[in-house]
């Protein structure tokens, strides 16, 4: 007997136009984020860096990335492309098209794209009265089994899960909050002990374990800044960071640094990896040494690999990094690690 089988894949696709008004007047390392758009039951957004992201040192290129909004544990495979609309033919003209895929988006790999998308010299030819239009196309393949059989009019549309939204409302409203977290002399957070215990094994041991602090109506947290703890709570209830953390600025990079330390302290591994990802995207000559020191201290292997790849891209850059205060701090705190890292980098450059 011969057994036959077959399968089919349906491609869900969508386009989004992101218009950047006043592009000619933009200065500095900033991140511009488009409105979210929906493809294959997932929300997406365009991240645009007019003067390059953290990996572009000379500001001669613009960078563009596709972001999976509210990325969860499930991986999403997608093809995507970017192009710039030609002002001379806005309806059909496309310039500097970049297409790639398939790539897997996830909670630790939530934004993918191209750092050297288009040079400043080429960009000028795509501006219309100082405005730039970026077109993004997303294609998500899904097995036919995932589709509803029968007529589309007979299918029932189920909205995305909203558990994180409900939990966020619980934090904002303080409904049935049974625990006060004290930080310093004045800062107080009304929270739910069960949420903290569910999200962190450290809090679980503190509130439900042999220490039996669960009988207390308040606990004190030492050595964590109130703003850092506020963002930590936001993540616990929302399973994502606040939107302002999507930007790549000195403030958000510094916050990711402190948040990584807090995530390590409370054994929140996914949050720690999210912070590693943010820091890895914000590397430059002045920060890579400090980031390596942090990665070594808190055993961030993937972040350390990001730093090594950044250092090996350019021999001249490596010399500047070695002479920087960040690398000097790494040598003071972890001399053997600094020696080993330098050896690895030199070997990779020589290969």
C-alpha atoms as a PDB file:
ATOM      1  CA  UNK A   1       0.000   0.000   0.000  1.00  0.00           C
ATOM      2  CA  UNK A   2       1.299   3.464  -0.879  1.00  0.00           C
ATOM      3  CA  UNK A   3       0.522   6.217   1.584  1.00  0.00           C
ATOM      4  CA  UNK A   4       0.220   9.661   0.052  1.00  0.00           C
ATOM      5  CA  UNK A   5       0.247  12.969   1.847  1.00  0.00           C
ATOM      6  CA  UNK A   6       0.348  16.615   0.910  1.00  0.00           C
ATOM      7  CA  UNK A   7       0.636  19.963   2.570  1.00  0.00           C
ATOM      8  CA  UNK A   8       0.297  23.604   1.647  1.00  0.00           C
ATOM      9  CA  UNK A   9       1.534  26.914   2.952  1.00  0.00           C
ATOM     10  CA  UNK A  10      -0.389  30.190   2.855  1.00  0.00           C
ATOM     11  CA  UNK A  11       1.596  33.433   2.685  1.00  0.00           C
ATOM     12  CA  UNK A  12       0.129  36.319   4.685  1.00  0.00           C
ATOM     13  CA  UNK A  13       1.545  39.620   3.464  1.00  0.00           C
ATOM     14  CA  UNK A  14       1.175  43.277   4.259  1.00  0.00           C
ATOM     15  CA  UNK A  15       2.727  46.653   3.416  1.00  0.00           C
ATOM     16  CA  UNK A  16       3.262  49.791   5.445  1.00  0.00           C
ATOM     17  CA  UNK A  17       4.343  53.255   4.343  1.00  0.00           C
ATOM     18  CA  UNK A  18       6.314  55.262   6.908  1.00  0.00           C
ATOM     19  CA  UNK A  19       6.612  58.971   6.061  1.00  0.00           C
ATOM     20  CA  UNK A  20       9.410  60.866   7.825  1.00  0.00           C
ATOM     21  CA  UNK A  21       8.561  64.569   7.713  1.00  0.00           C
ATOM     22  CA  UNK A  22      11.354  67.122   7.964  1.00  0.00           C
ATOM     23  CA  UNK A  23      14.038  64.511   7.401  1.00  0.00           C
ATOM     24  CA  UNK A  24      16.574  67.157   6.339  1.00  0.00           C
ATOM     25  CA  UNK A  25      16.460  68.818   9.771  1.00  0.00           C
ATOM     26  CA  UNK A  26      17.084  65.682  11.865  1.00  0.00           C
ATOM     27  CA  UNK A  27      20.354  65.579  13.796  1.00  0.00           C
ATOM     28  CA  UNK A  28      21.890  63.233  16.345  1.00  0.00           C
ATOM     29  CA  UNK A  29      21.452  59.516  17.042  1.00  0.00           C
ATOM     30  CA  UNK A  30      17.688  59.150  17.361  1.00  0.00           C
ATOM     31  CA  UNK A  31      15.186  56.394  16.671  1.00  0.00           C
ATOM     32  CA  UNK A  32      11.930  57.002  14.816  1.00  0.00           C
ATOM     33  CA  UNK A  33       9.159  54.410  15.164  1.00  0.00           C
ATOM     34  CA  UNK A  34       6.255  53.994  12.760  1.00  0.00           C
ATOM     35  CA  UNK A  35       2.682  53.223  13.707  1.00  0.00           C
ATOM     36  CA  UNK A  36       2.080  49.522  14.252  1.00  0.00           C
ATOM     37  CA  UNK A  37       0.603  47.480  11.411  1.00  0.00           C
ATOM     38  CA  UNK A  38      -0.788  43.960  11.469  1.00  0.00           C
ATOM     39  CA  UNK A  39       0.267  40.969   9.376  1.00  0.00           C
ATOM     40  CA  UNK A  40      -0.671  37.341  10.124  1.00  0.00           C
ATOM     41  CA  UNK A  41      -2.144  38.133  13.559  1.00  0.00           C
ATOM     42  CA  UNK A  42       1.069  39.878  14.645  1.00  0.00           C
ATOM     43  CA  UNK A  43       1.788  43.581  15.175  1.00  0.00           C
ATOM     44  CA  UNK A  44       4.863  45.054  13.473  1.00  0.00           C
ATOM     45  CA  UNK A  45       6.588  48.438  13.377  1.00  0.00           C
ATOM     46  CA  UNK A  46       9.427  50.086  11.450  1.00  0.00           C
ATOM     47  CA  UNK A  47      12.411  51.395  13.425  1.00  0.00           C
ATOM     48  CA  UNK A  48      14.328  54.047  11.481  1.00  0.00           C
ATOM     49  CA  UNK A  49      17.663  55.583  12.491  1.00  0.00           C
ATOM     50  CA  UNK A  50      18.281  58.643  10.246  1.00  0.00           C
ATOM     51  CA  UNK A  51      21.915  58.914  11.350  1.00  0.00           C
ATOM     52  CA  UNK A  52      22.623  55.228  11.853  1.00  0.00           C
ATOM     53  CA  UNK A  53      22.112  52.885  14.769  1.00  0.00           C
ATOM     54  CA  UNK A  54      24.721  52.154  17.460  1.00  0.00           C
ATOM     55  CA  UNK A  55      26.817  50.053  15.080  1.00  0.00           C
ATOM     56  CA  UNK A  56      27.293  52.904  12.592  1.00  0.00           C
ATOM     57  CA  UNK A  57      30.102  55.113  13.857  1.00  0.00           C
ATOM     58  CA  UNK A  58      30.606  57.651  11.054  1.00  0.00           C
ATOM     59  CA  UNK A  59      26.933  58.689  10.622  1.00  0.00           C
ATOM     60  CA  UNK A  60      27.216  58.207   6.851  1.00  0.00           C
ATOM     61  CA  UNK A  61      24.453  55.604   6.651  1.00  0.00           C
ATOM     62  CA  UNK A  62      20.825  55.418   7.706  1.00  0.00           C
ATOM     63  CA  UNK A  63      19.612  52.221   9.397  1.00  0.00           C
ATOM     64  CA  UNK A  64      16.220  50.509   9.251  1.00  0.00           C
ATOM     65  CA  UNK A  65      14.793  47.567  11.181  1.00  0.00           C
ATOM     66  CA  UNK A  66      11.543  45.614  11.363  1.00  0.00           C
ATOM     67  CA  UNK A  67      10.260  45.136  14.904  1.00  0.00           C
ATOM     68  CA  UNK A  68       7.907  42.419  16.137  1.00  0.00           C
ATOM     69  CA  UNK A  69       5.765  44.298  18.669  1.00  0.00           C
ATOM     70  CA  UNK A  70       4.987  42.516  21.948  1.00  0.00           C
ATOM     71  CA  UNK A  71       7.138  39.543  20.991  1.00  0.00           C
ATOM     72  CA  UNK A  72       6.328  36.479  23.078  1.00  0.00           C
ATOM     73  CA  UNK A  73       7.827  33.054  23.545  1.00  0.00           C
ATOM     74  CA  UNK A  74       6.581  31.846  20.138  1.00  0.00           C
ATOM     75  CA  UNK A  75       8.985  32.342  17.216  1.00  0.00           C
ATOM     76  CA  UNK A  76       7.580  34.050  14.119  1.00  0.00           C
ATOM     77  CA  UNK A  77       9.163  33.315  10.728  1.00  0.00           C
ATOM     78  CA  UNK A  78       8.913  36.177   8.251  1.00  0.00           C
ATOM     79  CA  UNK A  79      10.313  37.513   4.995  1.00  0.00           C
ATOM     80  CA  UNK A  80      10.624  41.281   4.854  1.00  0.00           C
ATOM     81  CA  UNK A  81      11.882  44.044   2.579  1.00  0.00           C
ATOM     82  CA  UNK A  82      12.496  47.773   2.731  1.00  0.00           C
ATOM     83  CA  UNK A  83      12.721  50.337  -0.029  1.00  0.00           C
ATOM     84  CA  UNK A  84      12.484  54.091  -0.477  1.00  0.00           C
ATOM     85  CA  UNK A  85       9.773  55.653  -2.613  1.00  0.00           C
ATOM     86  CA  UNK A  86      11.089  57.564  -5.634  1.00  0.00           C
ATOM     87  CA  UNK A  87       9.767  61.165  -5.497  1.00  0.00           C
ATOM     88  CA  UNK A  88       9.765  61.238  -9.315  1.00  0.00           C
ATOM     89  CA  UNK A  89       7.339  58.283  -9.432  1.00  0.00           C
ATOM     90  CA  UNK A  90       5.694  58.018  -5.987  1.00  0.00           C
ATOM     91  CA  UNK A  91       3.079  55.501  -7.092  1.00  0.00           C
ATOM     92  CA  UNK A  92       5.416  52.879  -8.577  1.00  0.00           C
ATOM     93  CA  UNK A  93       9.032  53.974  -8.161  1.00  0.00           C
ATOM     94  CA  UNK A  94      11.201  52.128  -5.643  1.00  0.00           C
ATOM     95  CA  UNK A  95      14.841  52.790  -4.832  1.00  0.00           C
ATOM     96  CA  UNK A  96      17.468  51.069  -2.672  1.00  0.00           C
ATOM     97  CA  UNK A  97      15.404  47.919  -2.134  1.00  0.00           C
ATOM     98  CA  UNK A  98      16.630  45.552   0.563  1.00  0.00           C
ATOM     99  CA  UNK A  99      14.972  42.141   0.755  1.00  0.00           C
ATOM    100  CA  UNK A 100      15.772  39.262   3.077  1.00  0.00           C
ATOM    101  CA  UNK A 101      14.360  36.178   4.740  1.00  0.00           C
ATOM    102  CA  UNK A 102      13.250  33.950   6.061  1.00  0.00           C
ATOM    103  CA  UNK A 103      14.221  35.152   9.521  1.00  0.00           C
ATOM    104  CA  UNK A 104      12.906  34.170  12.936  1.00  0.00           C
ATOM    105  CA  UNK A 105      11.628  36.889  15.256  1.00  0.00           C
ATOM    106  CA  UNK A 106      11.339  36.166  18.984  1.00  0.00           C
ATOM    107  CA  UNK A 107      11.474  37.800  22.417  1.00  0.00           C
ATOM    108  CA  UNK A 108      15.286  37.849  22.247  1.00  0.00           C
ATOM    109  CA  UNK A 109      15.484  38.672  18.532  1.00  0.00           C
ATOM    110  CA  UNK A 110      12.608  41.098  18.177  1.00  0.00           C
ATOM    111  CA  UNK A 111      14.104  43.556  15.653  1.00  0.00           C
ATOM    112  CA  UNK A 112      15.962  42.708  12.436  1.00  0.00           C
ATOM    113  CA  UNK A 113      17.141  44.871   9.580  1.00  0.00           C
ATOM    114  CA  UNK A 114      20.113  46.589   7.988  1.00  0.00           C
ATOM    115  CA  UNK A 115      22.506  49.028   9.671  1.00  0.00           C
ATOM    116  CA  UNK A 116      23.990  50.389   6.436  1.00  0.00           C
ATOM    117  CA  UNK A 117      20.672  50.593   4.603  1.00  0.00           C
ATOM    118  CA  UNK A 118      21.404  53.655   2.481  1.00  0.00           C
ATOM    119  CA  UNK A 119      24.225  56.205   2.429  1.00  0.00           C
ATOM    120  CA  UNK A 120      23.626  59.894   3.072  1.00  0.00           C
ATOM    121  CA  UNK A 121      24.750  60.678  -0.483  1.00  0.00           C
ATOM    122  CA  UNK A 122      22.151  58.328  -2.000  1.00  0.00           C
ATOM    123  CA  UNK A 123      19.481  59.372   0.483  1.00  0.00           C
ATOM    124  CA  UNK A 124      19.327  62.940  -0.790  1.00  0.00           C
ATOM    125  CA  UNK A 125      17.881  61.741  -4.102  1.00  0.00           C
ATOM    126  CA  UNK A 126      14.917  60.171  -2.306  1.00  0.00           C
ATOM    127  CA  UNK A 127      13.743  63.253  -0.433  1.00  0.00           C
ATOM    128  CA  UNK A 128      10.638  65.114  -1.550  1.00  0.00           C
ATOM    129  CA  UNK A 129      10.398  68.563   0.004  1.00  0.00           C
ATOM    130  CA  UNK A 130      12.515  67.303   2.918  1.00  0.00           C
ATOM    131  CA  UNK A 131      10.341  64.214   3.475  1.00  0.00           C
ATOM    132  CA  UNK A 132      11.260  60.554   3.106  1.00  0.00           C
ATOM    133  CA  UNK A 133       8.871  57.627   2.543  1.00  0.00           C
ATOM    134  CA  UNK A 134       9.968  54.137   3.601  1.00  0.00           C
ATOM    135  CA  UNK A 135       7.990  51.165   2.323  1.00  0.00           C
ATOM    136  CA  UNK A 136       8.095  47.912   4.274  1.00  0.00           C
ATOM    137  CA  UNK A 137       6.669  44.620   3.043  1.00  0.00           C
ATOM    138  CA  UNK A 138       6.207  41.686   5.435  1.00  0.00           C
ATOM    139  CA  UNK A 139       5.361  38.129   4.408  1.00  0.00           C
ATOM    140  CA  UNK A 140       4.586  35.446   6.999  1.00  0.00           C
ATOM    141  CA  UNK A 141       4.223  31.847   5.768  1.00  0.00           C
ATOM    142  CA  UNK A 142       1.754  29.680   7.686  1.00  0.00           C
ATOM    143  CA  UNK A 143       0.731  26.048   7.139  1.00  0.00           C
ATOM    144  CA  UNK A 144      -2.680  25.481   5.595  1.00  0.00           C
ATOM    145  CA  UNK A 145      -3.615  23.539   8.730  1.00  0.00           C
ATOM    146  CA  UNK A 146      -3.598  26.831  10.610  1.00  0.00           C
ATOM    147  CA  UNK A 147      -6.394  28.151   8.381  1.00  0.00           C
ATOM    148  CA  UNK A 148     -10.081  27.740   8.994  1.00  0.00           C
ATOM    149  CA  UNK A 149     -11.818  25.371   6.552  1.00  0.00           C
ATOM    150  CA  UNK A 150     -14.789  26.606   4.586  1.00  0.00           C
ATOM    151  CA  UNK A 151     -15.966  30.030   3.639  1.00  0.00           C
ATOM    152  CA  UNK A 152     -14.224  33.006   5.271  1.00  0.00           C
ATOM    153  CA  UNK A 153     -17.620  34.404   6.190  1.00  0.00           C
ATOM    154  CA  UNK A 154     -18.198  31.384   8.433  1.00  0.00           C
ATOM    155  CA  UNK A 155     -14.951  31.747  10.377  1.00  0.00           C
ATOM    156  CA  UNK A 156     -14.835  33.168  13.888  1.00  0.00           C
ATOM    157  CA  UNK A 157     -12.201  35.843  14.445  1.00  0.00           C
ATOM    158  CA  UNK A 158     -10.475  35.453  17.803  1.00  0.00           C
ATOM    159  CA  UNK A 159      -8.589  38.534  19.068  1.00  0.00           C
ATOM    160  CA  UNK A 160      -5.025  38.251  20.406  1.00  0.00           C
ATOM    161  CA  UNK A 161      -4.531  37.223  24.019  1.00  0.00           C
ATOM    162  CA  UNK A 162      -4.948  40.143  26.397  1.00  0.00           C
ATOM    163  CA  UNK A 163      -3.683  38.644  29.661  1.00  0.00           C
ATOM    164  CA  UNK A 164      -0.769  41.069  29.851  1.00  0.00           C
ATOM    165  CA  UNK A 165      -3.176  43.990  29.364  1.00  0.00           C
ATOM    166  CA  UNK A 166      -5.356  42.759  32.213  1.00  0.00           C
ATOM    167  CA  UNK A 167      -2.343  42.321  34.494  1.00  0.00           C
ATOM    168  CA  UNK A 168      -1.121  45.814  33.591  1.00  0.00           C
ATOM    169  CA  UNK A 169      -4.510  47.219  34.579  1.00  0.00           C
ATOM    170  CA  UNK A 170      -4.210  45.326  37.854  1.00  0.00           C
ATOM    171  CA  UNK A 171      -0.920  47.083  38.600  1.00  0.00           C
ATOM    172  CA  UNK A 172      -2.234  50.514  37.587  1.00  0.00           C
ATOM    173  CA  UNK A 173      -5.447  50.192  39.607  1.00  0.00           C
ATOM    174  CA  UNK A 174      -3.759  48.488  42.612  1.00  0.00           C
ATOM    175  CA  UNK A 175      -6.887  46.352  42.903  1.00  0.00           C
ATOM    176  CA  UNK A 176      -6.471  43.850  45.758  1.00  0.00           C
ATOM    177  CA  UNK A 177      -2.798  44.795  46.135  1.00  0.00           C
ATOM    178  CA  UNK A 178      -1.564  43.012  49.239  1.00  0.00           C
ATOM    179  CA  UNK A 179       2.101  44.005  49.450  1.00  0.00           C
ATOM    180  CA  UNK A 180       4.031  47.267  49.716  1.00  0.00           C
ATOM    181  CA  UNK A 181       7.584  47.383  48.367  1.00  0.00           C
ATOM    182  CA  UNK A 182       9.660  50.074  50.046  1.00  0.00           C
ATOM    183  CA  UNK A 183      12.660  51.642  48.335  1.00  0.00           C
ATOM    184  CA  UNK A 184      14.606  54.295  50.180  1.00  0.00           C
ATOM    185  CA  UNK A 185      12.810  56.590  52.593  1.00  0.00           C
ATOM    186  CA  UNK A 186       9.938  57.742  50.419  1.00  0.00           C
ATOM    187  CA  UNK A 187       9.234  55.500  47.415  1.00  0.00           C
ATOM    188  CA  UNK A 188       6.463  52.908  47.845  1.00  0.00           C
ATOM    189  CA  UNK A 189       4.949  50.466  45.333  1.00  0.00           C
ATOM    190  CA  UNK A 190       1.613  48.714  45.932  1.00  0.00           C
ATOM    191  CA  UNK A 191       1.882  45.294  44.282  1.00  0.00           C
ATOM    192  CA  UNK A 192       0.514  41.758  44.318  1.00  0.00           C
ATOM    193  CA  UNK A 193       2.714  39.256  46.122  1.00  0.00           C
ATOM    194  CA  UNK A 194       1.512  36.376  43.934  1.00  0.00           C
ATOM    195  CA  UNK A 195       2.636  38.170  40.745  1.00  0.00           C
ATOM    196  CA  UNK A 196       6.108  38.866  42.117  1.00  0.00           C
ATOM    197  CA  UNK A 197       6.384  35.270  43.317  1.00  0.00           C
ATOM    198  CA  UNK A 198       5.290  33.927  39.935  1.00  0.00           C
ATOM    199  CA  UNK A 199       7.759  36.075  37.988  1.00  0.00           C
ATOM    200  CA  UNK A 200      10.889  35.734  40.129  1.00  0.00           C
ATOM    201  CA  UNK A 201      12.203  32.715  42.077  1.00  0.00           C
ATOM    202  CA  UNK A 202      13.977  35.129  44.418  1.00  0.00           C
ATOM    203  CA  UNK A 203      10.726  36.856  45.354  1.00  0.00           C
ATOM    204  CA  UNK A 204       9.067  33.435  45.539  1.00  0.00           C
ATOM    205  CA  UNK A 205      11.579  32.295  48.144  1.00  0.00           C
ATOM    206  CA  UNK A 206      11.274  35.582  50.010  1.00  0.00           C
ATOM    207  CA  UNK A 207       7.487  35.682  50.056  1.00  0.00           C
ATOM    208  CA  UNK A 208       6.499  32.013  50.067  1.00  0.00           C
ATOM    209  CA  UNK A 209       9.515  30.046  51.216  1.00  0.00           C
ATOM    210  CA  UNK A 210      11.070  29.217  54.589  1.00  0.00           C
ATOM    211  CA  UNK A 211      11.776  32.902  55.209  1.00  0.00           C
ATOM    212  CA  UNK A 212       7.996  33.280  55.566  1.00  0.00           C
ATOM    213  CA  UNK A 213       7.984  36.962  54.757  1.00  0.00           C
ATOM    214  CA  UNK A 214       4.628  36.321  53.108  1.00  0.00           C
ATOM    215  CA  UNK A 215       3.079  37.120  56.481  1.00  0.00           C
ATOM    216  CA  UNK A 216       4.412  40.649  56.194  1.00  0.00           C
ATOM    217  CA  UNK A 217       2.446  43.398  54.487  1.00  0.00           C
ATOM    218  CA  UNK A 218       5.591  45.145  53.259  1.00  0.00           C
ATOM    219  CA  UNK A 219       9.163  44.355  52.252  1.00  0.00           C
ATOM    220  CA  UNK A 220      12.178  46.588  51.689  1.00  0.00           C
ATOM    221  CA  UNK A 221      14.332  46.368  48.572  1.00  0.00           C
ATOM    222  CA  UNK A 222      17.915  47.557  48.907  1.00  0.00           C
ATOM    223  CA  UNK A 223      20.464  48.560  46.280  1.00  0.00           C
ATOM    224  CA  UNK A 224      17.926  48.999  43.456  1.00  0.00           C
ATOM    225  CA  UNK A 225      17.023  52.451  42.162  1.00  0.00           C
ATOM    226  CA  UNK A 226      13.307  53.278  42.344  1.00  0.00           C
ATOM    227  CA  UNK A 227      13.079  54.043  38.611  1.00  0.00           C
ATOM    228  CA  UNK A 228      14.777  50.736  37.766  1.00  0.00           C
ATOM    229  CA  UNK A 229      12.383  48.848  40.043  1.00  0.00           C
ATOM    230  CA  UNK A 230       9.421  50.626  38.462  1.00  0.00           C
ATOM    231  CA  UNK A 231      10.461  49.340  35.021  1.00  0.00           C
ATOM    232  CA  UNK A 232      11.117  45.905  36.530  1.00  0.00           C
ATOM    233  CA  UNK A 233       7.516  45.897  37.804  1.00  0.00           C
ATOM    234  CA  UNK A 234       6.262  47.023  34.398  1.00  0.00           C
ATOM    235  CA  UNK A 235       7.958  44.007  32.850  1.00  0.00           C
ATOM    236  CA  UNK A 236       6.591  41.641  35.511  1.00  0.00           C
ATOM    237  CA  UNK A 237       3.010  42.667  34.797  1.00  0.00           C
ATOM    238  CA  UNK A 238       3.249  43.402  31.039  1.00  0.00           C
ATOM    239  CA  UNK A 239       5.874  40.865  29.914  1.00  0.00           C
ATOM    240  CA  UNK A 240       7.548  43.660  27.956  1.00  0.00           C
ATOM    241  CA  UNK A 241       9.452  46.872  28.606  1.00  0.00           C
ATOM    242  CA  UNK A 242       7.897  50.353  28.397  1.00  0.00           C
ATOM    243  CA  UNK A 243       7.758  51.810  24.884  1.00  0.00           C
ATOM    244  CA  UNK A 244      10.390  54.475  25.606  1.00  0.00           C
ATOM    245  CA  UNK A 245      12.929  51.675  26.068  1.00  0.00           C
ATOM    246  CA  UNK A 246      12.632  50.915  22.326  1.00  0.00           C
ATOM    247  CA  UNK A 247      14.669  54.049  21.612  1.00  0.00           C
ATOM    248  CA  UNK A 248      18.457  53.892  21.487  1.00  0.00           C
ATOM    249  CA  UNK A 249      19.561  56.809  23.617  1.00  0.00           C
ATOM    250  CA  UNK A 250      22.102  57.310  26.365  1.00  0.00           C
ATOM    251  CA  UNK A 251      19.274  57.236  28.925  1.00  0.00           C
ATOM    252  CA  UNK A 252      17.750  53.955  27.702  1.00  0.00           C
ATOM    253  CA  UNK A 253      21.178  52.319  27.340  1.00  0.00           C
ATOM    254  CA  UNK A 254      22.045  53.290  30.897  1.00  0.00           C
ATOM    255  CA  UNK A 255      18.672  51.986  32.081  1.00  0.00           C
ATOM    256  CA  UNK A 256      19.231  48.669  30.264  1.00  0.00           C
ATOM    257  CA  UNK A 257      22.542  48.366  32.111  1.00  0.00           C
ATOM    258  CA  UNK A 258      20.932  48.792  35.543  1.00  0.00           C
ATOM    259  CA  UNK A 259      17.930  46.666  34.582  1.00  0.00           C
ATOM    260  CA  UNK A 260      20.239  43.811  33.580  1.00  0.00           C
ATOM    261  CA  UNK A 261      21.807  43.897  37.044  1.00  0.00           C
ATOM    262  CA  UNK A 262      18.340  43.796  38.643  1.00  0.00           C
ATOM    263  CA  UNK A 263      17.238  40.954  36.337  1.00  0.00           C
ATOM    264  CA  UNK A 264      20.306  38.960  37.347  1.00  0.00           C
ATOM    265  CA  UNK A 265      19.613  39.609  41.026  1.00  0.00           C
ATOM    266  CA  UNK A 266      16.010  38.379  40.750  1.00  0.00           C
ATOM    267  CA  UNK A 267      16.863  35.523  38.322  1.00  0.00           C
ATOM    268  CA  UNK A 268      14.643  36.813  35.506  1.00  0.00           C
ATOM    269  CA  UNK A 269      16.500  35.257  32.592  1.00  0.00           C
ATOM    270  CA  UNK A 270      14.311  36.461  29.727  1.00  0.00           C
ATOM    271  CA  UNK A 271      14.487  40.063  30.927  1.00  0.00           C
ATOM    272  CA  UNK A 272      18.243  39.702  31.283  1.00  0.00           C
ATOM    273  CA  UNK A 273      18.496  38.540  27.655  1.00  0.00           C
ATOM    274  CA  UNK A 274      16.305  41.440  26.505  1.00  0.00           C
ATOM    275  CA  UNK A 275      18.720  43.839  28.218  1.00  0.00           C
ATOM    276  CA  UNK A 276      21.673  42.051  26.615  1.00  0.00           C
ATOM    277  CA  UNK A 277      20.014  42.506  23.229  1.00  0.00           C
ATOM    278  CA  UNK A 278      19.455  46.235  23.811  1.00  0.00           C
ATOM    279  CA  UNK A 279      23.036  46.784  24.988  1.00  0.00           C
ATOM    280  CA  UNK A 280      24.396  44.800  22.060  1.00  0.00           C
ATOM    281  CA  UNK A 281      22.591  47.134  19.641  1.00  0.00           C
ATOM    282  CA  UNK A 282      23.940  50.263  21.376  1.00  0.00           C
ATOM    283  CA  UNK A 283      27.667  49.465  21.171  1.00  0.00           C
ATOM    284  CA  UNK A 284      30.150  52.128  20.164  1.00  0.00           C
ATOM    285  CA  UNK A 285      33.832  52.838  20.769  1.00  0.00           C
ATOM    286  CA  UNK A 286      33.134  54.527  24.105  1.00  0.00           C
ATOM    287  CA  UNK A 287      30.733  51.927  25.521  1.00  0.00           C
ATOM    288  CA  UNK A 288      32.002  48.550  24.338  1.00  0.00           C
ATOM    289  CA  UNK A 289      34.647  48.282  27.095  1.00  0.00           C
ATOM    290  CA  UNK A 290      32.148  49.069  29.852  1.00  0.00           C
ATOM    291  CA  UNK A 291      29.673  46.620  28.288  1.00  0.00           C
ATOM    292  CA  UNK A 292      32.317  43.886  28.202  1.00  0.00           C
ATOM    293  CA  UNK A 293      33.027  44.526  31.875  1.00  0.00           C
ATOM    294  CA  UNK A 294      29.317  44.162  32.623  1.00  0.00           C
ATOM    295  CA  UNK A 295      29.047  41.003  30.502  1.00  0.00           C
ATOM    296  CA  UNK A 296      31.987  39.438  32.281  1.00  0.00           C
ATOM    297  CA  UNK A 297      30.669  40.285  35.744  1.00  0.00           C
ATOM    298  CA  UNK A 298      27.155  38.930  35.122  1.00  0.00           C
ATOM    299  CA  UNK A 299      28.053  36.021  32.809  1.00  0.00           C
ATOM    300  CA  UNK A 300      26.302  37.441  29.737  1.00  0.00           C
ATOM    301  CA  UNK A 301      27.778  35.162  27.077  1.00  0.00           C
ATOM    302  CA  UNK A 302      25.713  36.411  24.129  1.00  0.00           C
ATOM    303  CA  UNK A 303      26.412  40.051  24.977  1.00  0.00           C
ATOM    304  CA  UNK A 304      30.118  39.257  25.220  1.00  0.00           C
ATOM    305  CA  UNK A 305      29.976  37.706  21.736  1.00  0.00           C
ATOM    306  CA  UNK A 306      28.309  40.881  20.412  1.00  0.00           C
ATOM    307  CA  UNK A 307      31.168  42.946  21.832  1.00  0.00           C
ATOM    308  CA  UNK A 308      33.793  40.674  20.279  1.00  0.00           C
ATOM    309  CA  UNK A 309      32.146  40.884  16.855  1.00  0.00           C
ATOM    310  CA  UNK A 310      31.997  44.671  17.134  1.00  0.00           C
ATOM    311  CA  UNK A 311      35.692  44.879  18.063  1.00  0.00           C
ATOM    312  CA  UNK A 312      36.830  42.653  15.188  1.00  0.00           C
ATOM    313  CA  UNK A 313      35.113  44.575  12.414  1.00  0.00           C
ATOM    314  CA  UNK A 314      37.836  47.214  12.204  1.00  0.00           C
ATOM    315  CA  UNK A 315      41.510  47.181  13.266  1.00  0.00           C
ATOM    316  CA  UNK A 316      41.683  50.957  13.723  1.00  0.00           C
ATOM    317  CA  UNK A 317      38.547  50.846  15.861  1.00  0.00           C
ATOM    318  CA  UNK A 318      40.154  48.164  18.041  1.00  0.00           C
ATOM    319  CA  UNK A 319      43.079  50.451  18.839  1.00  0.00           C
ATOM    320  CA  UNK A 320      40.716  53.209  19.932  1.00  0.00           C
ATOM    321  CA  UNK A 321      38.757  50.771  22.107  1.00  0.00           C
ATOM    322  CA  UNK A 322      41.897  49.488  23.848  1.00  0.00           C
ATOM    323  CA  UNK A 323      42.916  53.062  24.687  1.00  0.00           C
ATOM    324  CA  UNK A 324      39.450  53.895  26.013  1.00  0.00           C
ATOM    325  CA  UNK A 325      38.529  54.136  29.712  1.00  0.00           C
ATOM    326  CA  UNK A 326      35.974  51.334  29.330  1.00  0.00           C
ATOM    327  CA  UNK A 327      38.636  48.796  28.401  1.00  0.00           C
ATOM    328  CA  UNK A 328      40.871  50.122  31.187  1.00  0.00           C
ATOM    329  CA  UNK A 329      38.036  49.407  33.640  1.00  0.00           C
ATOM    330  CA  UNK A 330      37.711  45.877  32.241  1.00  0.00           C
ATOM    331  CA  UNK A 331      41.445  45.304  32.801  1.00  0.00           C
ATOM    332  CA  UNK A 332      41.197  46.551  36.405  1.00  0.00           C
ATOM    333  CA  UNK A 333      38.152  44.441  37.268  1.00  0.00           C
ATOM    334  CA  UNK A 334      38.873  41.326  35.184  1.00  0.00           C
ATOM    335  CA  UNK A 335      42.537  41.340  34.105  1.00  0.00           C
ATOM    336  CA  UNK A 336      42.628  37.722  32.940  1.00  0.00           C
ATOM    337  CA  UNK A 337      39.389  38.139  30.994  1.00  0.00           C
ATOM    338  CA  UNK A 338      40.728  41.300  29.327  1.00  0.00           C
ATOM    339  CA  UNK A 339      43.879  39.441  28.317  1.00  0.00           C
ATOM    340  CA  UNK A 340      41.886  36.509  26.914  1.00  0.00           C
ATOM    341  CA  UNK A 341      39.468  38.794  25.057  1.00  0.00           C
ATOM    342  CA  UNK A 342      42.299  40.771  23.496  1.00  0.00           C
ATOM    343  CA  UNK A 343      43.924  37.537  22.370  1.00  0.00           C
ATOM    344  CA  UNK A 344      40.689  36.340  20.782  1.00  0.00           C
ATOM    345  CA  UNK A 345      40.144  39.631  18.977  1.00  0.00           C
ATOM    346  CA  UNK A 346      43.680  39.760  17.588  1.00  0.00           C
ATOM    347  CA  UNK A 347      43.398  36.140  16.425  1.00  0.00           C
ATOM    348  CA  UNK A 348      40.117  36.863  14.650  1.00  0.00           C
ATOM    349  CA  UNK A 349      41.548  39.972  12.962  1.00  0.00           C
ATOM    350  CA  UNK A 350      44.566  37.999  11.782  1.00  0.00           C
ATOM    351  CA  UNK A 351      42.450  35.131  10.390  1.00  0.00           C
END
